[in-house]
């Protein structure tokens, strides 16, 4: 059952939809490399407006889970253009309604910043991932201390978190992922973004052993 609509949910869906051109610009090359590791049965958490759809191989069995009804409306419209076997559920990363070891890969792009319990989300991601499966991630993270971005993050955090439905600009998501997966590879990149609080990103993958 879809949750009730809210003004903030509508705003965020429209915001992310209009930001797609920029996200494609900064992430395209990285995504092509990362998504090449993905197998046949894939779960994408926080699928948003469907910005990742073009990176999946034709015929992929793609299950998506997304809490926002407004995001899903954009996703479903875009999904009509791709030769994928898509199954959509509205829900949360902390409570995945799937059996253990159900997926060859799990994908998260700009999601772990806003889940209420990142630890519970990581437990669930690891649980539903098959042995030797990949967790693919692109996430913005806490900036190094004493940088301009770090100071901006501290200043804007309360308003930013309220406006963007829980988005936390000060999460150390790389360390979080390393705590749950023994094999993790990622790079930290600083983009010259117009959105200074989210300048620092981690891009990489973890493997379940």
C-alpha atoms as a PDB file:
ATOM      1  CA  UNK A   1       0.000   0.000   0.000  1.00  0.00           C
ATOM      2  CA  UNK A   2       1.494   3.341  -0.972  1.00  0.00           C
ATOM      3  CA  UNK A   3       2.094   5.779   1.834  1.00  0.00           C
ATOM      4  CA  UNK A   4       0.158   9.029   1.792  1.00  0.00           C
ATOM      5  CA  UNK A   5       1.503  11.850  -0.341  1.00  0.00           C
ATOM      6  CA  UNK A   6       3.311  14.780   1.249  1.00  0.00           C
ATOM      7  CA  UNK A   7       4.578  18.118  -0.011  1.00  0.00           C
ATOM      8  CA  UNK A   8       8.158  17.179   0.833  1.00  0.00           C
ATOM      9  CA  UNK A   9       7.891  13.881  -1.036  1.00  0.00           C
ATOM     10  CA  UNK A  10       6.574  15.682  -4.099  1.00  0.00           C
ATOM     11  CA  UNK A  11       9.334  18.286  -3.871  1.00  0.00           C
ATOM     12  CA  UNK A  12      12.066  15.658  -3.574  1.00  0.00           C
ATOM     13  CA  UNK A  13      10.724  13.609  -6.463  1.00  0.00           C
ATOM     14  CA  UNK A  14      10.601  16.655  -8.735  1.00  0.00           C
ATOM     15  CA  UNK A  15      14.022  17.787  -7.493  1.00  0.00           C
ATOM     16  CA  UNK A  16      15.659  14.415  -8.238  1.00  0.00           C
ATOM     17  CA  UNK A  17      13.926  14.167 -11.601  1.00  0.00           C
ATOM     18  CA  UNK A  18      15.337  17.527 -12.643  1.00  0.00           C
ATOM     19  CA  UNK A  19      18.764  16.624 -11.281  1.00  0.00           C
ATOM     20  CA  UNK A  20      19.106  13.527 -13.464  1.00  0.00           C
ATOM     21  CA  UNK A  21      21.118  15.320 -16.169  1.00  0.00           C
ATOM     22  CA  UNK A  22      23.758  16.334 -13.628  1.00  0.00           C
ATOM     23  CA  UNK A  23      23.944  12.917 -11.974  1.00  0.00           C
ATOM     24  CA  UNK A  24      24.357  11.311 -15.392  1.00  0.00           C
ATOM     25  CA  UNK A  25      27.173  13.747 -16.139  1.00  0.00           C
ATOM     26  CA  UNK A  26      29.191  13.016 -12.979  1.00  0.00           C
ATOM     27  CA  UNK A  27      28.455   9.299 -12.531  1.00  0.00           C
ATOM     28  CA  UNK A  28      28.072   7.832 -16.030  1.00  0.00           C
ATOM     29  CA  UNK A  29      31.591   6.454 -16.449  1.00  0.00           C
ATOM     30  CA  UNK A  30      31.704   5.038 -12.933  1.00  0.00           C
ATOM     31  CA  UNK A  31      28.324   3.352 -13.268  1.00  0.00           C
ATOM     32  CA  UNK A  32      29.242   1.644 -16.525  1.00  0.00           C
ATOM     33  CA  UNK A  33      32.194  -0.021 -14.792  1.00  0.00           C
ATOM     34  CA  UNK A  34      30.359  -0.940 -11.612  1.00  0.00           C
ATOM     35  CA  UNK A  35      27.228  -2.260 -13.279  1.00  0.00           C
ATOM     36  CA  UNK A  36      29.301  -4.606 -15.437  1.00  0.00           C
ATOM     37  CA  UNK A  37      29.703  -6.748 -12.292  1.00  0.00           C
ATOM     38  CA  UNK A  38      25.970  -7.231 -11.887  1.00  0.00           C
ATOM     39  CA  UNK A  39      24.392 -10.634 -12.422  1.00  0.00           C
ATOM     40  CA  UNK A  40      20.927 -11.687 -13.570  1.00  0.00           C
ATOM     41  CA  UNK A  41      18.879 -11.166 -10.403  1.00  0.00           C
ATOM     42  CA  UNK A  42      19.297  -7.696  -8.942  1.00  0.00           C
ATOM     43  CA  UNK A  43      17.775  -5.679  -6.123  1.00  0.00           C
ATOM     44  CA  UNK A  44      17.978  -1.896  -6.210  1.00  0.00           C
ATOM     45  CA  UNK A  45      17.131  -0.137  -2.962  1.00  0.00           C
ATOM     46  CA  UNK A  46      15.844   3.403  -3.167  1.00  0.00           C
ATOM     47  CA  UNK A  47      15.402   3.197  -6.921  1.00  0.00           C
ATOM     48  CA  UNK A  48      14.142   6.778  -7.043  1.00  0.00           C
ATOM     49  CA  UNK A  49      13.116   8.121 -10.440  1.00  0.00           C
ATOM     50  CA  UNK A  50      14.802   5.301 -12.353  1.00  0.00           C
ATOM     51  CA  UNK A  51      18.100   6.969 -13.173  1.00  0.00           C
ATOM     52  CA  UNK A  52      19.936   3.607 -13.117  1.00  0.00           C
ATOM     53  CA  UNK A  53      17.631   1.755 -15.494  1.00  0.00           C
ATOM     54  CA  UNK A  54      19.806   2.313 -18.557  1.00  0.00           C
ATOM     55  CA  UNK A  55      22.794   0.594 -16.939  1.00  0.00           C
ATOM     56  CA  UNK A  56      21.174  -2.815 -16.501  1.00  0.00           C
ATOM     57  CA  UNK A  57      21.665  -5.509 -19.128  1.00  0.00           C
ATOM     58  CA  UNK A  58      18.576  -6.376 -21.210  1.00  0.00           C
ATOM     59  CA  UNK A  59      16.681  -9.238 -19.605  1.00  0.00           C
ATOM     60  CA  UNK A  60      17.850  -8.485 -16.069  1.00  0.00           C
ATOM     61  CA  UNK A  61      15.412  -9.531 -13.356  1.00  0.00           C
ATOM     62  CA  UNK A  62      15.288  -6.242 -11.493  1.00  0.00           C
ATOM     63  CA  UNK A  63      13.481  -5.882  -8.184  1.00  0.00           C
ATOM     64  CA  UNK A  64      13.240  -2.367  -6.817  1.00  0.00           C
ATOM     65  CA  UNK A  65      12.167  -1.130  -3.414  1.00  0.00           C
ATOM     66  CA  UNK A  66      11.400   2.537  -2.863  1.00  0.00           C
ATOM     67  CA  UNK A  67       9.497   4.238  -0.017  1.00  0.00           C
ATOM     68  CA  UNK A  68       8.265   7.231  -2.010  1.00  0.00           C
ATOM     69  CA  UNK A  69       5.096   6.946  -4.066  1.00  0.00           C
ATOM     70  CA  UNK A  70       6.056  10.077  -5.970  1.00  0.00           C
ATOM     71  CA  UNK A  71       9.451   8.675  -6.935  1.00  0.00           C
ATOM     72  CA  UNK A  72       7.854   5.423  -8.043  1.00  0.00           C
ATOM     73  CA  UNK A  73       5.500   7.237 -10.386  1.00  0.00           C
ATOM     74  CA  UNK A  74       8.491   8.624 -12.282  1.00  0.00           C
ATOM     75  CA  UNK A  75      10.251   5.253 -12.107  1.00  0.00           C
ATOM     76  CA  UNK A  76       7.358   3.278 -13.547  1.00  0.00           C
ATOM     77  CA  UNK A  77       6.900   5.706 -16.419  1.00  0.00           C
ATOM     78  CA  UNK A  78      10.582   5.506 -17.355  1.00  0.00           C
ATOM     79  CA  UNK A  79      10.715   1.717 -16.907  1.00  0.00           C
ATOM     80  CA  UNK A  80       8.411   1.258 -19.909  1.00  0.00           C
ATOM     81  CA  UNK A  81      11.365   2.100 -22.156  1.00  0.00           C
ATOM     82  CA  UNK A  82      13.704  -0.679 -20.995  1.00  0.00           C
ATOM     83  CA  UNK A  83      13.748  -4.443 -21.781  1.00  0.00           C
ATOM     84  CA  UNK A  84      13.957  -5.539 -18.148  1.00  0.00           C
ATOM     85  CA  UNK A  85      11.879  -7.867 -15.992  1.00  0.00           C
ATOM     86  CA  UNK A  86      10.908  -5.393 -13.277  1.00  0.00           C
ATOM     87  CA  UNK A  87       9.204  -6.072  -9.971  1.00  0.00           C
ATOM     88  CA  UNK A  88       8.355  -3.043  -7.827  1.00  0.00           C
ATOM     89  CA  UNK A  89       7.682  -2.878  -4.109  1.00  0.00           C
ATOM     90  CA  UNK A  90       7.130   0.125  -1.915  1.00  0.00           C
ATOM     91  CA  UNK A  91       9.099  -0.281   1.277  1.00  0.00           C
ATOM     92  CA  UNK A  92      12.271   0.406   3.216  1.00  0.00           C
ATOM     93  CA  UNK A  93      15.858  -0.850   3.086  1.00  0.00           C
ATOM     94  CA  UNK A  94      15.713  -1.686   6.792  1.00  0.00           C
ATOM     95  CA  UNK A  95      12.893  -4.203   6.243  1.00  0.00           C
ATOM     96  CA  UNK A  96      13.466  -6.029   2.966  1.00  0.00           C
ATOM     97  CA  UNK A  97      10.613  -8.472   2.251  1.00  0.00           C
ATOM     98  CA  UNK A  98      12.832 -11.079   0.585  1.00  0.00           C
ATOM     99  CA  UNK A  99      14.340 -14.448   1.474  1.00  0.00           C
ATOM    100  CA  UNK A 100      17.970 -14.844   2.468  1.00  0.00           C
ATOM    101  CA  UNK A 101      20.445 -14.946  -0.444  1.00  0.00           C
ATOM    102  CA  UNK A 102      17.866 -13.970  -3.065  1.00  0.00           C
ATOM    103  CA  UNK A 103      19.964 -11.687  -5.289  1.00  0.00           C
ATOM    104  CA  UNK A 104      23.183 -11.760  -7.299  1.00  0.00           C
ATOM    105  CA  UNK A 105      23.681  -8.053  -6.654  1.00  0.00           C
ATOM    106  CA  UNK A 106      22.273  -5.192  -4.608  1.00  0.00           C
ATOM    107  CA  UNK A 107      22.530  -1.607  -5.857  1.00  0.00           C
ATOM    108  CA  UNK A 108      22.402   1.566  -3.787  1.00  0.00           C
ATOM    109  CA  UNK A 109      23.016   5.008  -5.256  1.00  0.00           C
ATOM    110  CA  UNK A 110      22.481   8.033  -3.013  1.00  0.00           C
ATOM    111  CA  UNK A 111      20.317   6.058  -0.604  1.00  0.00           C
ATOM    112  CA  UNK A 112      22.223   5.193   2.584  1.00  0.00           C
ATOM    113  CA  UNK A 113      22.385   8.862   3.514  1.00  0.00           C
ATOM    114  CA  UNK A 114      18.671   8.925   4.235  1.00  0.00           C
ATOM    115  CA  UNK A 115      17.720   5.546   5.718  1.00  0.00           C
ATOM    116  CA  UNK A 116      16.677   5.824   9.365  1.00  0.00           C
ATOM    117  CA  UNK A 117      18.944   2.984  10.475  1.00  0.00           C
ATOM    118  CA  UNK A 118      21.999   2.530   8.208  1.00  0.00           C
ATOM    119  CA  UNK A 119      23.156  -0.409  10.344  1.00  0.00           C
ATOM    120  CA  UNK A 120      19.869  -2.262   9.889  1.00  0.00           C
ATOM    121  CA  UNK A 121      19.905  -1.473   6.166  1.00  0.00           C
ATOM    122  CA  UNK A 122      23.382  -2.977   5.849  1.00  0.00           C
ATOM    123  CA  UNK A 123      22.300  -6.097   7.734  1.00  0.00           C
ATOM    124  CA  UNK A 124      19.397  -6.536   5.341  1.00  0.00           C
ATOM    125  CA  UNK A 125      21.516  -5.903   2.237  1.00  0.00           C
ATOM    126  CA  UNK A 126      24.024  -8.526   3.319  1.00  0.00           C
ATOM    127  CA  UNK A 127      21.269 -10.977   4.244  1.00  0.00           C
ATOM    128  CA  UNK A 128      19.517 -10.942   0.853  1.00  0.00           C
ATOM    129  CA  UNK A 129      22.759 -11.003  -1.137  1.00  0.00           C
ATOM    130  CA  UNK A 130      23.994 -14.381  -2.401  1.00  0.00           C
ATOM    131  CA  UNK A 131      27.450 -15.659  -1.586  1.00  0.00           C
ATOM    132  CA  UNK A 132      29.970 -14.097  -4.010  1.00  0.00           C
ATOM    133  CA  UNK A 133      27.368 -11.463  -4.856  1.00  0.00           C
ATOM    134  CA  UNK A 134      28.180  -7.768  -5.195  1.00  0.00           C
ATOM    135  CA  UNK A 135      26.888  -4.747  -3.353  1.00  0.00           C
ATOM    136  CA  UNK A 136      27.296  -1.786  -5.719  1.00  0.00           C
ATOM    137  CA  UNK A 137      27.225   1.666  -4.157  1.00  0.00           C
ATOM    138  CA  UNK A 138      27.607   5.363  -4.887  1.00  0.00           C
ATOM    139  CA  UNK A 139      27.005   7.529  -1.834  1.00  0.00           C
ATOM    140  CA  UNK A 140      27.812  11.035  -0.680  1.00  0.00           C
ATOM    141  CA  UNK A 141      29.671  11.075   2.642  1.00  0.00           C
ATOM    142  CA  UNK A 142      31.053  13.173   5.473  1.00  0.00           C
ATOM    143  CA  UNK A 143      33.846  15.468   4.321  1.00  0.00           C
ATOM    144  CA  UNK A 144      37.315  15.348   5.918  1.00  0.00           C
ATOM    145  CA  UNK A 145      37.566  17.432   9.065  1.00  0.00           C
ATOM    146  CA  UNK A 146      38.588  21.078   8.802  1.00  0.00           C
ATOM    147  CA  UNK A 147      37.643  21.369   5.133  1.00  0.00           C
ATOM    148  CA  UNK A 148      35.260  23.997   3.821  1.00  0.00           C
ATOM    149  CA  UNK A 149      32.766  21.288   2.952  1.00  0.00           C
ATOM    150  CA  UNK A 150      32.947  19.875   6.483  1.00  0.00           C
ATOM    151  CA  UNK A 151      32.109  23.274   7.952  1.00  0.00           C
ATOM    152  CA  UNK A 152      29.242  23.733   5.502  1.00  0.00           C
ATOM    153  CA  UNK A 153      27.895  20.266   6.333  1.00  0.00           C
ATOM    154  CA  UNK A 154      27.766  21.049  10.047  1.00  0.00           C
ATOM    155  CA  UNK A 155      26.022  24.342   9.401  1.00  0.00           C
ATOM    156  CA  UNK A 156      23.324  23.086   7.011  1.00  0.00           C
ATOM    157  CA  UNK A 157      22.706  19.649   8.535  1.00  0.00           C
ATOM    158  CA  UNK A 158      19.466  20.383  10.458  1.00  0.00           C
ATOM    159  CA  UNK A 159      17.696  22.190   7.611  1.00  0.00           C
ATOM    160  CA  UNK A 160      19.094  19.867   4.930  1.00  0.00           C
ATOM    161  CA  UNK A 161      17.969  16.761   6.817  1.00  0.00           C
ATOM    162  CA  UNK A 162      14.457  18.143   7.270  1.00  0.00           C
ATOM    163  CA  UNK A 163      14.117  19.326   3.659  1.00  0.00           C
ATOM    164  CA  UNK A 164      15.435  16.146   2.047  1.00  0.00           C
ATOM    165  CA  UNK A 165      13.498  13.664   4.198  1.00  0.00           C
ATOM    166  CA  UNK A 166      16.269  12.471   6.500  1.00  0.00           C
ATOM    167  CA  UNK A 167      19.302  12.948   4.244  1.00  0.00           C
ATOM    168  CA  UNK A 168      22.341  13.069   6.544  1.00  0.00           C
ATOM    169  CA  UNK A 169      25.339  14.858   5.009  1.00  0.00           C
ATOM    170  CA  UNK A 170      27.677  13.733   7.802  1.00  0.00           C
ATOM    171  CA  UNK A 171      27.522   9.935   7.556  1.00  0.00           C
ATOM    172  CA  UNK A 172      30.767   8.009   7.256  1.00  0.00           C
ATOM    173  CA  UNK A 173      29.222   5.432   4.946  1.00  0.00           C
ATOM    174  CA  UNK A 174      32.510   3.932   3.761  1.00  0.00           C
ATOM    175  CA  UNK A 175      33.406   2.803   7.283  1.00  0.00           C
ATOM    176  CA  UNK A 176      29.868   1.509   7.721  1.00  0.00           C
ATOM    177  CA  UNK A 177      30.115  -0.725   4.645  1.00  0.00           C
ATOM    178  CA  UNK A 178      33.554  -1.982   5.700  1.00  0.00           C
ATOM    179  CA  UNK A 179      32.064  -3.092   9.022  1.00  0.00           C
ATOM    180  CA  UNK A 180      29.699  -5.493   7.220  1.00  0.00           C
ATOM    181  CA  UNK A 181      31.764  -6.728   4.280  1.00  0.00           C
ATOM    182  CA  UNK A 182      35.348  -8.060   4.508  1.00  0.00           C
ATOM    183  CA  UNK A 183      36.037  -7.357   0.837  1.00  0.00           C
ATOM    184  CA  UNK A 184      35.337  -3.737  -0.091  1.00  0.00           C
ATOM    185  CA  UNK A 185      36.851  -1.574  -2.804  1.00  0.00           C
ATOM    186  CA  UNK A 186      35.968   2.061  -3.316  1.00  0.00           C
ATOM    187  CA  UNK A 187      37.424   5.429  -4.086  1.00  0.00           C
ATOM    188  CA  UNK A 188      36.586   8.732  -2.445  1.00  0.00           C
ATOM    189  CA  UNK A 189      36.027  11.538  -4.911  1.00  0.00           C
ATOM    190  CA  UNK A 190      35.447  15.229  -4.458  1.00  0.00           C
ATOM    191  CA  UNK A 191      33.214  16.669  -7.167  1.00  0.00           C
ATOM    192  CA  UNK A 192      33.077  20.385  -7.892  1.00  0.00           C
ATOM    193  CA  UNK A 193      29.389  20.248  -7.184  1.00  0.00           C
ATOM    194  CA  UNK A 194      27.038  23.223  -6.983  1.00  0.00           C
ATOM    195  CA  UNK A 195      25.625  21.421  -3.921  1.00  0.00           C
ATOM    196  CA  UNK A 196      28.606  21.915  -1.589  1.00  0.00           C
ATOM    197  CA  UNK A 197      27.301  19.779   1.341  1.00  0.00           C
ATOM    198  CA  UNK A 198      27.457  16.681  -0.873  1.00  0.00           C
ATOM    199  CA  UNK A 199      30.804  17.262  -2.600  1.00  0.00           C
ATOM    200  CA  UNK A 200      32.461  14.093  -1.271  1.00  0.00           C
ATOM    201  CA  UNK A 201      31.392  10.700  -2.623  1.00  0.00           C
ATOM    202  CA  UNK A 202      32.411   7.077  -2.330  1.00  0.00           C
ATOM    203  CA  UNK A 203      32.086   4.908  -5.427  1.00  0.00           C
ATOM    204  CA  UNK A 204      32.754   1.177  -5.394  1.00  0.00           C
ATOM    205  CA  UNK A 205      31.607  -2.293  -4.469  1.00  0.00           C
ATOM    206  CA  UNK A 206      31.642  -4.889  -1.724  1.00  0.00           C
ATOM    207  CA  UNK A 207      31.621  -8.644  -2.192  1.00  0.00           C
ATOM    208  CA  UNK A 208      29.883 -11.140   0.064  1.00  0.00           C
ATOM    209  CA  UNK A 209      32.214 -14.002   0.867  1.00  0.00           C
END
